[in-house]
Amino acid sequence: MWLAPPSVSDSMHTFSQSSFGTGGGGTFSSSLSNTSRIDVFSKVQDLQDFPDFVGKVVPLSMAGTLGPGDALFFPPGWWHSMRSESTSFSFSMWF
């Protein structure tokens, strides 16, 4: 899992900040306004097109591995990403 605080939002390169966010001449979907177009699991050297992300987000981000039965809570507004290293399932609860 990967987490970054809300204070880095300006450097997350959301789809709403992107010039290609409208796609096909349609209107931009606001549901992607909190979705980054950066693969946060990329190696830093592969992120050279996003120097503000490397300089401002990477130093404040956190990564870890959850095991079977682990749970994670983070406050609203935190940037997060998950990936599975094996067959698994997960669920999220918003409250």
N, C-alpha and C. Protein backbone atom coordinates (compact mmCIF):
# COMPACT_ATOMS: atom_id res chain seq x y z
N MET A 1 0.84 -1.16 0.00
CA MET A 1 0.00 0.00 0.00
C MET A 1 0.88 1.23 0.00
N TRP A 2 0.32 2.35 -0.46
CA TRP A 2 1.04 3.61 -0.57
C TRP A 2 0.12 4.71 -0.07
N LEU A 3 0.65 5.62 0.74
CA LEU A 3 -0.12 6.74 1.28
C LEU A 3 0.66 8.04 1.17
N ALA A 4 -0.05 9.13 0.96
CA ALA A 4 0.55 10.47 0.98
C ALA A 4 -0.49 11.44 1.56
N PRO A 5 -0.04 12.44 2.31
CA PRO A 5 -0.97 13.35 2.97
C PRO A 5 -1.67 14.31 2.00
N PRO A 6 -2.79 14.86 2.42
CA PRO A 6 -3.54 15.80 1.57
C PRO A 6 -2.72 17.03 1.16
N SER A 7 -1.72 17.38 1.92
CA SER A 7 -0.92 18.57 1.62
C SER A 7 -0.18 18.48 0.28
N VAL A 8 -0.07 17.30 -0.30
CA VAL A 8 0.64 17.13 -1.58
C VAL A 8 -0.31 17.15 -2.79
N SER A 9 -1.56 17.44 -2.57
CA SER A 9 -2.57 17.36 -3.64
C SER A 9 -2.19 18.13 -4.90
N ASP A 10 -1.57 19.30 -4.76
CA ASP A 10 -1.21 20.10 -5.93
C ASP A 10 -0.17 19.42 -6.82
N SER A 11 0.53 18.43 -6.30
CA SER A 11 1.59 17.75 -7.06
C SER A 11 1.21 16.34 -7.48
N MET A 12 -0.07 15.98 -7.35
CA MET A 12 -0.49 14.62 -7.67
C MET A 12 -0.89 14.42 -9.13
N HIS A 13 -0.94 15.49 -9.92
CA HIS A 13 -1.26 15.39 -11.35
C HIS A 13 -2.54 14.60 -11.58
N THR A 14 -3.63 15.16 -11.06
CA THR A 14 -4.93 14.50 -11.22
C THR A 14 -5.39 14.60 -12.67
N PHE A 15 -6.36 13.80 -13.01
CA PHE A 15 -6.91 13.87 -14.35
C PHE A 15 -7.57 15.22 -14.60
N SER A 16 -8.06 15.89 -13.57
CA SER A 16 -8.66 17.21 -13.76
C SER A 16 -7.60 18.26 -14.08
N GLN A 17 -6.33 18.01 -13.73
CA GLN A 17 -5.23 18.91 -14.05
C GLN A 17 -4.63 18.59 -15.42
N SER A 18 -5.09 17.53 -16.03
CA SER A 18 -4.50 17.03 -17.26
C SER A 18 -5.15 17.64 -18.50
N SER A 19 -4.36 17.89 -19.51
CA SER A 19 -4.90 18.41 -20.76
C SER A 19 -5.61 17.32 -21.56
N PHE A 20 -5.36 16.06 -21.22
CA PHE A 20 -6.03 14.99 -21.96
C PHE A 20 -7.18 14.39 -21.18
N GLY A 21 -7.61 15.05 -20.13
CA GLY A 21 -8.67 14.53 -19.27
C GLY A 21 -10.05 14.50 -19.88
N THR A 22 -10.28 15.21 -20.97
CA THR A 22 -11.62 15.23 -21.54
C THR A 22 -11.86 14.07 -22.48
N GLY A 23 -10.87 13.62 -23.17
CA GLY A 23 -10.98 12.46 -24.05
C GLY A 23 -12.14 12.51 -25.03
N GLY A 24 -11.88 12.38 -26.27
CA GLY A 24 -12.92 12.29 -27.28
C GLY A 24 -13.78 13.53 -27.43
N GLY A 25 -13.32 14.67 -26.95
CA GLY A 25 -14.09 15.90 -27.10
C GLY A 25 -15.23 16.03 -26.11
N GLY A 26 -15.42 15.06 -25.24
CA GLY A 26 -16.49 15.14 -24.25
C GLY A 26 -16.09 16.01 -23.07
N THR A 27 -16.92 16.05 -22.09
CA THR A 27 -16.61 16.85 -20.91
C THR A 27 -15.88 15.99 -19.89
N PHE A 28 -15.09 16.64 -19.08
CA PHE A 28 -14.32 15.94 -18.05
C PHE A 28 -15.25 15.42 -16.96
N SER A 29 -15.03 14.21 -16.51
CA SER A 29 -15.81 13.64 -15.42
C SER A 29 -15.20 14.04 -14.08
N SER A 30 -15.97 14.72 -13.26
CA SER A 30 -15.46 15.16 -11.96
C SER A 30 -15.15 13.98 -11.04
N SER A 31 -15.61 12.79 -11.38
CA SER A 31 -15.32 11.62 -10.55
C SER A 31 -13.84 11.24 -10.60
N LEU A 32 -13.09 11.80 -11.56
CA LEU A 32 -11.66 11.53 -11.64
C LEU A 32 -10.82 12.66 -11.03
N SER A 33 -11.46 13.63 -10.42
CA SER A 33 -10.73 14.78 -9.89
C SER A 33 -9.84 14.41 -8.71
N ASN A 34 -10.06 13.26 -8.11
CA ASN A 34 -9.20 12.80 -7.02
C ASN A 34 -8.39 11.57 -7.42
N THR A 35 -8.18 11.41 -8.72
CA THR A 35 -7.43 10.27 -9.24
C THR A 35 -6.18 10.77 -9.96
N SER A 36 -5.03 10.29 -9.52
CA SER A 36 -3.77 10.71 -10.11
C SER A 36 -3.49 9.90 -11.36
N ARG A 37 -2.85 10.53 -12.32
CA ARG A 37 -2.45 9.82 -13.53
C ARG A 37 -1.05 9.25 -13.40
N ILE A 38 -0.44 9.37 -12.23
CA ILE A 38 0.91 8.86 -11.97
C ILE A 38 0.81 7.47 -11.35
N ASP A 39 1.61 6.54 -11.85
CA ASP A 39 1.72 5.23 -11.22
C ASP A 39 2.65 5.40 -10.02
N VAL A 40 2.08 5.50 -8.84
CA VAL A 40 2.87 5.80 -7.65
C VAL A 40 3.83 4.68 -7.28
N PHE A 41 3.68 3.52 -7.87
CA PHE A 41 4.59 2.40 -7.60
C PHE A 41 5.77 2.37 -8.58
N SER A 42 5.83 3.35 -9.48
CA SER A 42 6.96 3.43 -10.41
C SER A 42 8.24 3.76 -9.67
N LYS A 43 9.36 3.39 -10.28
CA LYS A 43 10.66 3.77 -9.74
C LYS A 43 10.85 5.27 -9.97
N VAL A 44 11.53 5.93 -9.05
CA VAL A 44 11.72 7.37 -9.14
C VAL A 44 12.34 7.77 -10.47
N GLN A 45 13.29 7.01 -10.96
CA GLN A 45 13.93 7.36 -12.24
C GLN A 45 12.96 7.30 -13.41
N ASP A 46 11.84 6.60 -13.26
CA ASP A 46 10.84 6.54 -14.33
C ASP A 46 9.83 7.69 -14.25
N LEU A 47 9.98 8.55 -13.26
CA LEU A 47 9.05 9.65 -13.05
C LEU A 47 9.63 11.01 -13.42
N GLN A 48 10.59 11.02 -14.34
CA GLN A 48 11.27 12.26 -14.69
C GLN A 48 10.34 13.30 -15.31
N ASP A 49 9.18 12.90 -15.83
CA ASP A 49 8.22 13.85 -16.38
C ASP A 49 7.42 14.58 -15.29
N PHE A 50 7.60 14.16 -14.05
CA PHE A 50 6.85 14.73 -12.93
C PHE A 50 7.79 15.16 -11.81
N PRO A 51 8.65 16.15 -12.06
CA PRO A 51 9.64 16.53 -11.04
C PRO A 51 9.03 17.06 -9.75
N ASP A 52 7.87 17.71 -9.82
CA ASP A 52 7.25 18.17 -8.58
C ASP A 52 6.74 17.01 -7.74
N PHE A 53 6.27 15.95 -8.40
CA PHE A 53 5.85 14.74 -7.67
C PHE A 53 7.05 14.13 -6.95
N VAL A 54 8.16 14.00 -7.67
CA VAL A 54 9.37 13.41 -7.09
C VAL A 54 9.88 14.27 -5.94
N GLY A 55 9.87 15.59 -6.10
CA GLY A 55 10.42 16.47 -5.09
C GLY A 55 9.54 16.74 -3.90
N LYS A 56 8.21 16.74 -4.11
CA LYS A 56 7.28 17.11 -3.04
C LYS A 56 6.48 15.95 -2.46
N VAL A 57 6.13 14.98 -3.29
CA VAL A 57 5.28 13.88 -2.82
C VAL A 57 6.11 12.71 -2.29
N VAL A 58 7.10 12.29 -3.07
CA VAL A 58 7.89 11.12 -2.67
C VAL A 58 8.47 11.25 -1.26
N PRO A 59 9.04 12.41 -0.88
CA PRO A 59 9.61 12.50 0.47
C PRO A 59 8.57 12.38 1.60
N LEU A 60 7.31 12.69 1.32
CA LEU A 60 6.27 12.63 2.35
C LEU A 60 5.41 11.37 2.29
N SER A 61 5.60 10.56 1.25
CA SER A 61 4.77 9.37 1.09
C SER A 61 5.29 8.22 1.94
N MET A 62 4.40 7.27 2.17
CA MET A 62 4.72 6.09 2.96
C MET A 62 4.28 4.85 2.19
N ALA A 63 5.02 3.78 2.32
CA ALA A 63 4.65 2.52 1.67
C ALA A 63 4.84 1.39 2.66
N GLY A 64 4.06 0.36 2.50
CA GLY A 64 4.18 -0.79 3.38
C GLY A 64 3.47 -1.98 2.78
N THR A 65 3.59 -3.09 3.45
CA THR A 65 2.95 -4.33 3.01
C THR A 65 2.00 -4.81 4.10
N LEU A 66 0.77 -5.06 3.73
CA LEU A 66 -0.21 -5.59 4.65
C LEU A 66 -0.25 -7.10 4.51
N GLY A 67 -0.44 -7.79 5.60
CA GLY A 67 -0.53 -9.24 5.58
C GLY A 67 -1.96 -9.69 5.74
N PRO A 68 -2.19 -11.00 5.66
CA PRO A 68 -3.53 -11.55 5.83
C PRO A 68 -4.15 -11.09 7.15
N GLY A 69 -5.37 -10.58 7.07
CA GLY A 69 -6.08 -10.14 8.26
C GLY A 69 -5.75 -8.72 8.70
N ASP A 70 -4.78 -8.07 8.08
CA ASP A 70 -4.44 -6.70 8.44
C ASP A 70 -5.53 -5.74 7.98
N ALA A 71 -5.65 -4.65 8.71
CA ALA A 71 -6.58 -3.58 8.33
C ALA A 71 -5.80 -2.27 8.35
N LEU A 72 -6.24 -1.34 7.56
CA LEU A 72 -5.58 -0.04 7.49
C LEU A 72 -6.64 1.04 7.55
N PHE A 73 -6.42 2.02 8.41
CA PHE A 73 -7.30 3.18 8.48
C PHE A 73 -6.47 4.41 8.16
N PHE A 74 -6.99 5.25 7.30
CA PHE A 74 -6.34 6.54 7.07
C PHE A 74 -7.45 7.58 6.96
N PRO A 75 -7.16 8.79 7.40
CA PRO A 75 -8.18 9.85 7.42
C PRO A 75 -8.61 10.26 6.02
N PRO A 76 -9.79 10.88 5.91
CA PRO A 76 -10.26 11.37 4.60
C PRO A 76 -9.26 12.36 4.00
N GLY A 77 -9.17 12.32 2.69
CA GLY A 77 -8.30 13.24 1.97
C GLY A 77 -6.91 12.72 1.69
N TRP A 78 -6.53 11.63 2.32
CA TRP A 78 -5.19 11.07 2.08
C TRP A 78 -5.17 10.36 0.73
N TRP A 79 -4.10 10.58 -0.02
CA TRP A 79 -3.90 9.88 -1.28
C TRP A 79 -3.46 8.46 -0.97
N HIS A 80 -3.99 7.51 -1.70
CA HIS A 80 -3.65 6.11 -1.41
C HIS A 80 -3.72 5.27 -2.68
N SER A 81 -2.97 4.19 -2.64
CA SER A 81 -2.98 3.23 -3.73
C SER A 81 -2.64 1.86 -3.14
N MET A 82 -3.23 0.86 -3.71
CA MET A 82 -2.98 -0.51 -3.28
C MET A 82 -2.67 -1.36 -4.50
N ARG A 83 -1.90 -2.39 -4.29
CA ARG A 83 -1.70 -3.40 -5.32
C ARG A 83 -1.49 -4.73 -4.62
N SER A 84 -1.91 -5.76 -5.28
CA SER A 84 -1.79 -7.10 -4.71
C SER A 84 -0.59 -7.81 -5.32
N GLU A 85 0.15 -8.49 -4.47
CA GLU A 85 1.30 -9.26 -4.96
C GLU A 85 0.96 -10.72 -5.16
N SER A 86 -0.28 -11.08 -4.85
CA SER A 86 -0.77 -12.43 -5.08
C SER A 86 -2.30 -12.36 -5.20
N THR A 87 -2.92 -13.48 -5.49
CA THR A 87 -4.37 -13.51 -5.58
C THR A 87 -4.96 -13.14 -4.23
N SER A 88 -5.87 -12.18 -4.24
CA SER A 88 -6.44 -11.71 -2.98
C SER A 88 -7.74 -10.97 -3.26
N PHE A 89 -8.37 -10.52 -2.21
CA PHE A 89 -9.52 -9.63 -2.34
C PHE A 89 -9.45 -8.62 -1.22
N SER A 90 -10.12 -7.53 -1.43
CA SER A 90 -10.15 -6.48 -0.42
C SER A 90 -11.50 -5.78 -0.47
N PHE A 91 -11.78 -5.04 0.55
CA PHE A 91 -12.99 -4.23 0.54
C PHE A 91 -12.69 -2.92 1.27
N SER A 92 -13.44 -1.90 0.89
CA SER A 92 -13.26 -0.59 1.49
C SER A 92 -14.56 -0.15 2.14
N MET A 93 -14.45 0.57 3.20
CA MET A 93 -15.62 1.13 3.87
C MET A 93 -15.38 2.63 4.03
N TRP A 94 -16.35 3.41 3.63
CA TRP A 94 -16.27 4.86 3.78
C TRP A 94 -17.23 5.26 4.90
N PHE A 95 -16.69 5.90 5.91
CA PHE A 95 -17.57 6.35 7.00
C PHE A 95 -17.09 7.64 7.57
